[in-house]
Amino acid sequence: MDVKVVDYKSPNAAKEFTDSLRNTGFAVLVNHPINYDDVLRLQREWLDFFKSDRKWDFLPGENDQDGYRPMEEAEKAVGAQVKDIKEYFHWYPWGRQPEKESASAMAYYTAGMNLACELLGWVEANTLPEISKKFSMPLSEMITGTRRTLLRVLHYPPLRGDEPEGSIRAAAHEDINMITVLPASNEPGLQVLDLEGNWHDVPCDPGSVAINAGDMLDYATDGYFPSTTHRVVNPVGEAATRSRVSTPLFLHPADDVVIAEGKTAFEFLAQRIKEIAGVDLKK
């Protein structure tokens, strides 16, 4: 599986990007508009946050989506027997948020949204006409005005050696949303699954940004852009003593947007959240 590394400034960037997304579900951009120094600041500040006791001030209420989730409440991927080895913060512009770290979060959130709008335009322009003519509106407009787009700040702590058998930092899963914008983490570990069942490392050079298709884009394009299974594997050796910080931005359509076959984005998301977490999503 060849996840393409695409120069955003190349005249062929749109085609190379969408070809990789079409064939692998992933593409990696370099020379893109997201400022690398802002990403480093985001990772550094939030790692300090996870190491502090301030995180406990942001525990969410029952059925709330924003705020801090500790290791004990980490997700369990569909089909997995044990929870992921991670803690995380769900950051929304409208949600609870730590004052010190939220300036870097907002800067990245805005830059990621702007890039995603452009990339969805690339996707639509390179989708077969018999598929794109079924879209209820342009793909880039589907995320306009949404309150669902989520910045998830993930902390994978150093391994202690007593983790449950079979547990990894993030078990195999697919994303629910339209597309995900993911700056390269401070540590490697992201892998994608090919059709033959083999895992491949996703390129993660400093400053690069990985983009992957989610279930909603898969659904909207009738599988033309596949939502590909991926995971984050445990490090070995000295790397196991280091934290990994990851900051995926999950781009969601507005709730009332019809994705395909009369199903709205909210209906699609609520169904998946119920399947994964067993909770009812609030509108």
C-alpha atoms as a PDB file:
ATOM      1  CA  MET A   1       0.000   0.000   0.000  1.00  0.00           C
ATOM      2  CA  ASP A   2       1.452   3.341  -1.096  1.00  0.00           C
ATOM      3  CA  VAL A   3       0.138   6.265   0.959  1.00  0.00           C
ATOM      4  CA  LYS A   4       1.201   9.159  -1.244  1.00  0.00           C
ATOM      5  CA  VAL A   5       3.189  12.091   0.130  1.00  0.00           C
ATOM      6  CA  VAL A   6       1.865  15.087  -1.816  1.00  0.00           C
ATOM      7  CA  ASP A   7       3.386  18.538  -2.134  1.00  0.00           C
ATOM      8  CA  TYR A   8       0.451  20.871  -1.487  1.00  0.00           C
ATOM      9  CA  LYS A   9       2.053  23.498  -3.742  1.00  0.00           C
ATOM     10  CA  SER A  10       2.482  21.145  -6.682  1.00  0.00           C
ATOM     11  CA  PRO A  11       0.300  21.870  -9.746  1.00  0.00           C
ATOM     12  CA  ASN A  12      -0.789  18.209  -9.627  1.00  0.00           C
ATOM     13  CA  ALA A  13      -1.527  18.241  -5.878  1.00  0.00           C
ATOM     14  CA  ALA A  14      -5.307  17.843  -6.137  1.00  0.00           C
ATOM     15  CA  LYS A  15      -5.112  14.777  -8.387  1.00  0.00           C
ATOM     16  CA  GLU A  16      -2.246  13.150  -6.491  1.00  0.00           C
ATOM     17  CA  PHE A  17      -4.035  13.742  -3.193  1.00  0.00           C
ATOM     18  CA  THR A  18      -7.356  12.318  -4.316  1.00  0.00           C
ATOM     19  CA  ASP A  19      -5.712   9.365  -6.064  1.00  0.00           C
ATOM     20  CA  SER A  20      -4.036   8.380  -2.790  1.00  0.00           C
ATOM     21  CA  LEU A  21      -7.248   8.932  -0.826  1.00  0.00           C
ATOM     22  CA  ARG A  22      -9.129   6.830  -3.364  1.00  0.00           C
ATOM     23  CA  ASN A  23      -6.608   3.962  -3.323  1.00  0.00           C
ATOM     24  CA  THR A  24      -5.601   3.873   0.347  1.00  0.00           C
ATOM     25  CA  GLY A  25      -8.055   6.026   2.303  1.00  0.00           C
ATOM     26  CA  PHE A  26      -5.073   8.183   3.318  1.00  0.00           C
ATOM     27  CA  ALA A  27      -2.844  10.895   1.878  1.00  0.00           C
ATOM     28  CA  VAL A  28      -0.017  12.930   3.428  1.00  0.00           C
ATOM     29  CA  LEU A  29       0.552  16.610   2.647  1.00  0.00           C
ATOM     30  CA  VAL A  30       3.780  18.598   2.877  1.00  0.00           C
ATOM     31  CA  ASN A  31       4.265  22.342   2.247  1.00  0.00           C
ATOM     32  CA  HIS A  32       0.689  22.888   3.410  1.00  0.00           C
ATOM     33  CA  PRO A  33      -0.747  26.026   5.066  1.00  0.00           C
ATOM     34  CA  ILE A  34      -0.837  24.707   8.662  1.00  0.00           C
ATOM     35  CA  ASN A  35       2.004  26.318  10.599  1.00  0.00           C
ATOM     36  CA  TYR A  36       4.367  23.698  12.057  1.00  0.00           C
ATOM     37  CA  ASP A  37       5.405  25.922  14.965  1.00  0.00           C
ATOM     38  CA  ASP A  38       1.739  26.192  15.969  1.00  0.00           C
ATOM     39  CA  VAL A  39       1.454  22.398  15.931  1.00  0.00           C
ATOM     40  CA  LEU A  40       4.569  22.014  18.088  1.00  0.00           C
ATOM     41  CA  ARG A  41       3.203  24.551  20.544  1.00  0.00           C
ATOM     42  CA  LEU A  42      -0.117  22.708  20.638  1.00  0.00           C
ATOM     43  CA  GLN A  43       1.590  19.387  21.362  1.00  0.00           C
ATOM     44  CA  ARG A  44       3.903  20.860  23.994  1.00  0.00           C
ATOM     45  CA  GLU A  45       1.233  22.786  25.878  1.00  0.00           C
ATOM     46  CA  TRP A  46      -1.234  19.933  25.965  1.00  0.00           C
ATOM     47  CA  LEU A  47       1.358  17.410  27.092  1.00  0.00           C
ATOM     48  CA  ASP A  48       1.966  19.699  30.076  1.00  0.00           C
ATOM     49  CA  PHE A  49      -1.801  19.836  30.611  1.00  0.00           C
ATOM     50  CA  PHE A  50      -2.110  16.049  30.741  1.00  0.00           C
ATOM     51  CA  LYS A  51       0.740  15.909  33.254  1.00  0.00           C
ATOM     52  CA  SER A  52      -1.029  18.418  35.515  1.00  0.00           C
ATOM     53  CA  ASP A  53      -3.888  18.050  37.978  1.00  0.00           C
ATOM     54  CA  ARG A  54      -5.830  20.749  36.111  1.00  0.00           C
ATOM     55  CA  LYS A  55      -7.206  18.114  33.764  1.00  0.00           C
ATOM     56  CA  TRP A  56      -9.521  16.858  36.519  1.00  0.00           C
ATOM     57  CA  ASP A  57     -11.371  20.189  36.445  1.00  0.00           C
ATOM     58  CA  PHE A  58     -12.704  19.345  32.989  1.00  0.00           C
ATOM     59  CA  LEU A  59     -14.438  16.011  33.497  1.00  0.00           C
ATOM     60  CA  PRO A  60     -17.634  16.003  31.404  1.00  0.00           C
ATOM     61  CA  GLY A  61     -21.111  15.537  32.719  1.00  0.00           C
ATOM     62  CA  GLU A  62     -23.255  12.564  31.810  1.00  0.00           C
ATOM     63  CA  ASN A  63     -23.729  12.357  28.013  1.00  0.00           C
ATOM     64  CA  ASP A  64     -21.542  15.456  27.463  1.00  0.00           C
ATOM     65  CA  GLN A  65     -19.098  15.212  24.575  1.00  0.00           C
ATOM     66  CA  ASP A  66     -16.621  17.958  25.520  1.00  0.00           C
ATOM     67  CA  GLY A  67     -13.919  17.812  28.164  1.00  0.00           C
ATOM     68  CA  TYR A  68     -11.344  15.411  29.589  1.00  0.00           C
ATOM     69  CA  ARG A  69     -11.522  11.618  29.537  1.00  0.00           C
ATOM     70  CA  PRO A  70      -9.043   9.738  31.755  1.00  0.00           C
ATOM     71  CA  MET A  71      -7.331   6.444  31.000  1.00  0.00           C
ATOM     72  CA  GLU A  72     -10.034   4.512  32.845  1.00  0.00           C
ATOM     73  CA  GLU A  73     -12.669   5.823  30.428  1.00  0.00           C
ATOM     74  CA  ALA A  74     -10.702   5.263  27.234  1.00  0.00           C
ATOM     75  CA  GLU A  75     -12.665   3.923  24.297  1.00  0.00           C
ATOM     76  CA  LYS A  76     -12.786   0.317  23.269  1.00  0.00           C
ATOM     77  CA  ALA A  77     -12.713  -0.058  19.493  1.00  0.00           C
ATOM     78  CA  VAL A  78     -15.485  -2.099  17.893  1.00  0.00           C
ATOM     79  CA  GLY A  79     -14.448  -5.743  18.168  1.00  0.00           C
ATOM     80  CA  ALA A  80     -11.605  -5.040  20.612  1.00  0.00           C
ATOM     81  CA  GLN A  81     -11.467  -6.902  23.922  1.00  0.00           C
ATOM     82  CA  VAL A  82      -9.591  -4.233  25.909  1.00  0.00           C
ATOM     83  CA  LYS A  83      -9.536  -0.442  26.076  1.00  0.00           C
ATOM     84  CA  ASP A  84      -7.027   1.730  24.274  1.00  0.00           C
ATOM     85  CA  ILE A  85      -4.007   2.985  26.220  1.00  0.00           C
ATOM     86  CA  LYS A  86      -4.765   6.696  26.150  1.00  0.00           C
ATOM     87  CA  GLU A  87      -6.341   9.729  27.765  1.00  0.00           C
ATOM     88  CA  TYR A  88      -7.776  12.575  25.765  1.00  0.00           C
ATOM     89  CA  PHE A  89      -9.548  15.920  25.663  1.00  0.00           C
ATOM     90  CA  HIS A  90     -12.463  16.743  23.374  1.00  0.00           C
ATOM     91  CA  TRP A  91     -12.012  20.412  22.415  1.00  0.00           C
ATOM     92  CA  TYR A  92     -14.780  22.397  20.741  1.00  0.00           C
ATOM     93  CA  PRO A  93     -14.866  26.195  20.308  1.00  0.00           C
ATOM     94  CA  TRP A  94     -18.116  26.233  22.277  1.00  0.00           C
ATOM     95  CA  GLY A  95     -17.125  23.659  24.933  1.00  0.00           C
ATOM     96  CA  ARG A  96     -15.328  23.666  28.270  1.00  0.00           C
ATOM     97  CA  GLN A  97     -11.669  24.370  27.751  1.00  0.00           C
ATOM     98  CA  PRO A  98      -8.545  25.264  29.720  1.00  0.00           C
ATOM     99  CA  GLU A  99      -7.667  28.923  29.204  1.00  0.00           C
ATOM    100  CA  LYS A 100      -3.895  28.510  28.834  1.00  0.00           C
ATOM    101  CA  GLU A 101      -3.991  25.808  26.150  1.00  0.00           C
ATOM    102  CA  SER A 102      -6.990  26.975  24.156  1.00  0.00           C
ATOM    103  CA  ALA A 103      -5.259  29.675  22.102  1.00  0.00           C
ATOM    104  CA  SER A 104      -3.097  27.028  20.397  1.00  0.00           C
ATOM    105  CA  ALA A 105      -6.114  24.759  20.040  1.00  0.00           C
ATOM    106  CA  MET A 106      -8.176  27.505  18.385  1.00  0.00           C
ATOM    107  CA  ALA A 107      -5.342  28.432  16.002  1.00  0.00           C
ATOM    108  CA  TYR A 108      -5.004  24.857  14.802  1.00  0.00           C
ATOM    109  CA  TYR A 109      -8.779  24.286  14.723  1.00  0.00           C
ATOM    110  CA  THR A 110      -9.214  27.280  12.391  1.00  0.00           C
ATOM    111  CA  ALA A 111      -6.287  26.349  10.139  1.00  0.00           C
ATOM    112  CA  GLY A 112      -7.460  22.751   9.935  1.00  0.00           C
ATOM    113  CA  MET A 113     -11.010  23.781   9.044  1.00  0.00           C
ATOM    114  CA  ASN A 114      -9.757  26.046   6.250  1.00  0.00           C
ATOM    115  CA  LEU A 115      -7.541  23.317   4.814  1.00  0.00           C
ATOM    116  CA  ALA A 116     -10.326  20.742   5.048  1.00  0.00           C
ATOM    117  CA  CYS A 117     -12.719  22.948   3.074  1.00  0.00           C
ATOM    118  CA  GLU A 118     -10.167  23.184   0.280  1.00  0.00           C
ATOM    119  CA  LEU A 119      -9.435  19.449   0.332  1.00  0.00           C
ATOM    120  CA  LEU A 120     -13.123  18.556   0.162  1.00  0.00           C
ATOM    121  CA  GLY A 121     -13.275  20.751  -2.942  1.00  0.00           C
ATOM    122  CA  TRP A 122     -10.421  18.671  -4.389  1.00  0.00           C
ATOM    123  CA  VAL A 123     -12.301  15.500  -3.527  1.00  0.00           C
ATOM    124  CA  GLU A 124     -15.510  16.643  -5.189  1.00  0.00           C
ATOM    125  CA  ALA A 125     -13.692  17.790  -8.325  1.00  0.00           C
ATOM    126  CA  ASN A 126     -12.089  14.361  -8.643  1.00  0.00           C
ATOM    127  CA  THR A 127     -15.152  12.230  -7.924  1.00  0.00           C
ATOM    128  CA  LEU A 128     -16.877  10.446 -10.793  1.00  0.00           C
ATOM    129  CA  PRO A 129     -19.790  12.581 -12.083  1.00  0.00           C
ATOM    130  CA  GLU A 130     -22.290   9.762 -11.598  1.00  0.00           C
ATOM    131  CA  ILE A 131     -21.389   9.820  -7.888  1.00  0.00           C
ATOM    132  CA  SER A 132     -20.972  13.565  -7.288  1.00  0.00           C
ATOM    133  CA  LYS A 133     -24.298  14.393  -8.935  1.00  0.00           C
ATOM    134  CA  LYS A 134     -25.995  12.642  -5.991  1.00  0.00           C
ATOM    135  CA  PHE A 135     -24.462  14.968  -3.373  1.00  0.00           C
ATOM    136  CA  SER A 136     -27.111  17.032  -1.612  1.00  0.00           C
ATOM    137  CA  MET A 137     -24.719  20.016  -1.740  1.00  0.00           C
ATOM    138  CA  PRO A 138     -21.009  20.629  -2.407  1.00  0.00           C
ATOM    139  CA  LEU A 139     -18.882  18.603   0.013  1.00  0.00           C
ATOM    140  CA  SER A 140     -17.024  21.682   1.245  1.00  0.00           C
ATOM    141  CA  GLU A 141     -20.338  23.352   2.157  1.00  0.00           C
ATOM    142  CA  MET A 142     -21.462  20.372   4.222  1.00  0.00           C
ATOM    143  CA  ILE A 143     -19.109  21.377   7.058  1.00  0.00           C
ATOM    144  CA  THR A 144     -20.131  25.062   7.018  1.00  0.00           C
ATOM    145  CA  GLY A 145     -21.657  26.154  10.314  1.00  0.00           C
ATOM    146  CA  THR A 146     -21.176  22.783  11.988  1.00  0.00           C
ATOM    147  CA  ARG A 147     -20.825  22.460  15.765  1.00  0.00           C
ATOM    148  CA  ARG A 148     -19.689  18.838  15.522  1.00  0.00           C
ATOM    149  CA  THR A 149     -16.165  19.285  14.139  1.00  0.00           C
ATOM    150  CA  LEU A 150     -13.940  18.038  16.944  1.00  0.00           C
ATOM    151  CA  LEU A 151     -10.334  18.576  17.925  1.00  0.00           C
ATOM    152  CA  ARG A 152      -9.334  15.537  19.927  1.00  0.00           C
ATOM    153  CA  VAL A 153      -6.084  16.006  21.823  1.00  0.00           C
ATOM    154  CA  LEU A 154      -4.743  12.544  22.630  1.00  0.00           C
ATOM    155  CA  HIS A 155      -2.058  11.590  25.109  1.00  0.00           C
ATOM    156  CA  TYR A 156      -0.610   8.104  24.874  1.00  0.00           C
ATOM    157  CA  PRO A 157       1.485   7.814  28.059  1.00  0.00           C
ATOM    158  CA  PRO A 158       4.756   5.908  28.375  1.00  0.00           C
ATOM    159  CA  LEU A 159       4.179   2.183  28.667  1.00  0.00           C
ATOM    160  CA  ARG A 160       4.542   0.787  32.196  1.00  0.00           C
ATOM    161  CA  GLY A 161       4.898  -2.869  31.279  1.00  0.00           C
ATOM    162  CA  ASP A 162       1.737  -3.990  33.075  1.00  0.00           C
ATOM    163  CA  GLU A 163      -0.744  -3.195  30.285  1.00  0.00           C
ATOM    164  CA  PRO A 164      -3.493  -5.775  29.693  1.00  0.00           C
ATOM    165  CA  GLU A 165      -2.555  -8.455  27.203  1.00  0.00           C
ATOM    166  CA  GLY A 166      -3.418  -7.419  23.667  1.00  0.00           C
ATOM    167  CA  SER A 167      -3.884  -3.738  24.461  1.00  0.00           C
ATOM    168  CA  ILE A 168      -2.377  -1.102  22.191  1.00  0.00           C
ATOM    169  CA  ARG A 169      -2.430   2.672  22.101  1.00  0.00           C
ATOM    170  CA  ALA A 170      -5.336   2.735  19.642  1.00  0.00           C
ATOM    171  CA  ALA A 171      -6.912  -0.467  18.407  1.00  0.00           C
ATOM    172  CA  ALA A 172      -7.946  -0.927  14.775  1.00  0.00           C
ATOM    173  CA  HIS A 173     -10.845   1.357  13.862  1.00  0.00           C
ATOM    174  CA  GLU A 174     -12.309   3.646  11.227  1.00  0.00           C
ATOM    175  CA  ASP A 175     -13.250   7.305  11.742  1.00  0.00           C
ATOM    176  CA  ILE A 176     -16.934   8.244  11.701  1.00  0.00           C
ATOM    177  CA  ASN A 177     -16.625  11.748  10.245  1.00  0.00           C
ATOM    178  CA  MET A 178     -16.123  13.182   6.744  1.00  0.00           C
ATOM    179  CA  ILE A 179     -12.325  13.602   6.722  1.00  0.00           C
ATOM    180  CA  THR A 180      -9.685  13.789   9.446  1.00  0.00           C
ATOM    181  CA  VAL A 181      -6.791  16.256   9.447  1.00  0.00           C
ATOM    182  CA  LEU A 182      -3.883  14.906  11.493  1.00  0.00           C
ATOM    183  CA  PRO A 183      -0.533  16.717  11.885  1.00  0.00           C
ATOM    184  CA  ALA A 184       2.406  14.377  12.384  1.00  0.00           C
ATOM    185  CA  SER A 185       2.677  13.331  16.017  1.00  0.00           C
ATOM    186  CA  ASN A 186       5.784  13.811  18.114  1.00  0.00           C
ATOM    187  CA  GLU A 187       6.237  10.024  17.913  1.00  0.00           C
ATOM    188  CA  PRO A 188       5.452   7.452  15.157  1.00  0.00           C
ATOM    189  CA  GLY A 189       3.001   4.579  15.449  1.00  0.00           C
ATOM    190  CA  LEU A 190       0.143   5.260  13.009  1.00  0.00           C
ATOM    191  CA  GLN A 191      -0.552   2.358  10.651  1.00  0.00           C
ATOM    192  CA  VAL A 192      -3.130   1.644   7.946  1.00  0.00           C
ATOM    193  CA  LEU A 193      -4.547  -1.729   6.861  1.00  0.00           C
ATOM    194  CA  ASP A 194      -4.545  -2.855   3.229  1.00  0.00           C
ATOM    195  CA  LEU A 195      -7.090  -5.121   1.552  1.00  0.00           C
ATOM    196  CA  GLU A 196      -4.859  -8.177   2.054  1.00  0.00           C
ATOM    197  CA  GLY A 197      -4.796  -7.667   5.826  1.00  0.00           C
ATOM    198  CA  ASN A 198      -1.272  -6.208   6.025  1.00  0.00           C
ATOM    199  CA  TRP A 199      -0.388  -3.164   8.141  1.00  0.00           C
ATOM    200  CA  HIS A 200       1.670  -0.272   6.750  1.00  0.00           C
ATOM    201  CA  ASP A 201       3.250   2.708   8.493  1.00  0.00           C
ATOM    202  CA  VAL A 202       1.761   6.065   7.520  1.00  0.00           C
ATOM    203  CA  PRO A 203       4.522   8.568   6.662  1.00  0.00           C
ATOM    204  CA  CYS A 204       4.920  10.996   9.549  1.00  0.00           C
ATOM    205  CA  ASP A 205       7.835  13.312   8.833  1.00  0.00           C
ATOM    206  CA  PRO A 206       7.850  16.414  11.070  1.00  0.00           C
ATOM    207  CA  GLY A 207       5.630  19.115   9.614  1.00  0.00           C
ATOM    208  CA  SER A 208       3.567  16.778   7.455  1.00  0.00           C
ATOM    209  CA  VAL A 209      -0.195  16.342   7.760  1.00  0.00           C
ATOM    210  CA  ALA A 210      -2.036  13.068   7.184  1.00  0.00           C
ATOM    211  CA  ILE A 211      -5.562  13.167   5.822  1.00  0.00           C
ATOM    212  CA  ASN A 212      -7.901  10.196   5.897  1.00  0.00           C
ATOM    213  CA  ALA A 213     -11.421   9.537   4.706  1.00  0.00           C
ATOM    214  CA  GLY A 214     -14.054   8.738   7.312  1.00  0.00           C
ATOM    215  CA  ASP A 215     -17.253   6.717   7.223  1.00  0.00           C
ATOM    216  CA  MET A 216     -19.360   9.723   6.214  1.00  0.00           C
ATOM    217  CA  LEU A 217     -17.281  10.396   3.095  1.00  0.00           C
ATOM    218  CA  ASP A 218     -17.315   6.687   2.301  1.00  0.00           C
ATOM    219  CA  TYR A 219     -21.114   6.720   2.624  1.00  0.00           C
ATOM    220  CA  ALA A 220     -21.570   9.950   0.638  1.00  0.00           C
ATOM    221  CA  THR A 221     -19.440   8.641  -2.252  1.00  0.00           C
ATOM    222  CA  ASP A 222     -20.794   5.085  -2.183  1.00  0.00           C
ATOM    223  CA  GLY A 223     -17.375   3.726  -1.222  1.00  0.00           C
ATOM    224  CA  TYR A 224     -15.444   5.629  -3.891  1.00  0.00           C
ATOM    225  CA  PHE A 225     -13.319   7.170  -1.128  1.00  0.00           C
ATOM    226  CA  PRO A 226     -12.992   4.347   1.405  1.00  0.00           C
ATOM    227  CA  SER A 227     -12.884   4.741   5.165  1.00  0.00           C
ATOM    228  CA  THR A 228      -9.770   2.702   5.856  1.00  0.00           C
ATOM    229  CA  THR A 229      -8.951   0.820   9.050  1.00  0.00           C
ATOM    230  CA  HIS A 230      -6.045   2.252  11.017  1.00  0.00           C
ATOM    231  CA  ARG A 231      -4.425   1.929  14.452  1.00  0.00           C
ATOM    232  CA  VAL A 232      -1.638   3.249  16.678  1.00  0.00           C
ATOM    233  CA  VAL A 233       0.782   0.523  17.740  1.00  0.00           C
ATOM    234  CA  ASN A 234       2.831   0.339  20.927  1.00  0.00           C
ATOM    235  CA  PRO A 235       6.455   1.503  20.722  1.00  0.00           C
ATOM    236  CA  VAL A 236       9.330  -0.740  21.692  1.00  0.00           C
ATOM    237  CA  GLY A 237      12.672  -0.140  23.335  1.00  0.00           C
ATOM    238  CA  GLU A 238      13.539   3.339  24.537  1.00  0.00           C
ATOM    239  CA  ALA A 239      10.576   4.815  22.642  1.00  0.00           C
ATOM    240  CA  ALA A 240       8.237   3.029  25.052  1.00  0.00           C
ATOM    241  CA  THR A 241       9.362   5.444  27.790  1.00  0.00           C
ATOM    242  CA  ARG A 242       8.114   8.492  25.874  1.00  0.00           C
ATOM    243  CA  SER A 243       4.672  10.060  25.606  1.00  0.00           C
ATOM    244  CA  ARG A 244       2.938  10.420  22.263  1.00  0.00           C
ATOM    245  CA  VAL A 245       0.666  13.408  21.603  1.00  0.00           C
ATOM    246  CA  SER A 246      -1.724  13.333  18.666  1.00  0.00           C
ATOM    247  CA  THR A 247      -4.135  16.078  17.568  1.00  0.00           C
ATOM    248  CA  PRO A 248      -6.648  14.813  14.983  1.00  0.00           C
ATOM    249  CA  LEU A 249      -9.274  17.245  13.763  1.00  0.00           C
ATOM    250  CA  PHE A 250     -12.443  15.352  12.843  1.00  0.00           C
ATOM    251  CA  LEU A 251     -14.441  17.273  10.237  1.00  0.00           C
ATOM    252  CA  HIS A 252     -18.181  16.749  10.582  1.00  0.00           C
ATOM    253  CA  PRO A 253     -21.067  18.065   8.473  1.00  0.00           C
ATOM    254  CA  ALA A 254     -23.761  20.184  10.096  1.00  0.00           C
ATOM    255  CA  ASP A 255     -26.450  18.058  11.749  1.00  0.00           C
ATOM    256  CA  ASP A 256     -29.165  18.642   9.141  1.00  0.00           C
ATOM    257  CA  VAL A 257     -26.978  17.967   6.098  1.00  0.00           C
ATOM    258  CA  VAL A 258     -28.199  14.974   4.098  1.00  0.00           C
ATOM    259  CA  ILE A 259     -25.187  12.759   3.478  1.00  0.00           C
ATOM    260  CA  ALA A 260     -26.814  10.159   1.233  1.00  0.00           C
ATOM    261  CA  GLU A 261     -30.045   8.238   0.789  1.00  0.00           C
ATOM    262  CA  GLY A 262     -32.006  10.721   2.877  1.00  0.00           C
ATOM    263  CA  LYS A 263     -29.911  10.163   6.017  1.00  0.00           C
ATOM    264  CA  THR A 264     -28.719  13.274   7.839  1.00  0.00           C
ATOM    265  CA  ALA A 265     -25.310  13.692   9.410  1.00  0.00           C
ATOM    266  CA  PHE A 266     -26.864  13.681  12.884  1.00  0.00           C
ATOM    267  CA  GLU A 267     -28.734  10.445  12.240  1.00  0.00           C
ATOM    268  CA  PHE A 268     -25.577   8.805  10.922  1.00  0.00           C
ATOM    269  CA  LEU A 269     -23.446  10.016  13.839  1.00  0.00           C
ATOM    270  CA  ALA A 270     -26.005   9.120  16.501  1.00  0.00           C
ATOM    271  CA  GLN A 271     -26.264   5.581  15.136  1.00  0.00           C
ATOM    272  CA  ARG A 272     -22.499   5.085  15.210  1.00  0.00           C
ATOM    273  CA  ILE A 273     -22.053   6.593  18.688  1.00  0.00           C
ATOM    274  CA  LYS A 274     -24.749   4.261  19.976  1.00  0.00           C
ATOM    275  CA  GLU A 275     -22.964   1.270  18.420  1.00  0.00           C
ATOM    276  CA  ILE A 276     -19.540   2.243  19.774  1.00  0.00           C
ATOM    277  CA  ALA A 277     -20.261   3.808  23.158  1.00  0.00           C
ATOM    278  CA  GLY A 278     -23.814   2.740  23.926  1.00  0.00           C
ATOM    279  CA  VAL A 279     -24.936   6.318  24.585  1.00  0.00           C
ATOM    280  CA  ASP A 280     -27.580   8.493  22.985  1.00  0.00           C
ATOM    281  CA  LEU A 281     -26.191  11.554  21.252  1.00  0.00           C
ATOM    282  CA  LYS A 282     -27.750  14.888  22.161  1.00  0.00           C
ATOM    283  CA  LYS A 283     -28.723  17.273  19.372  1.00  0.00           C
END
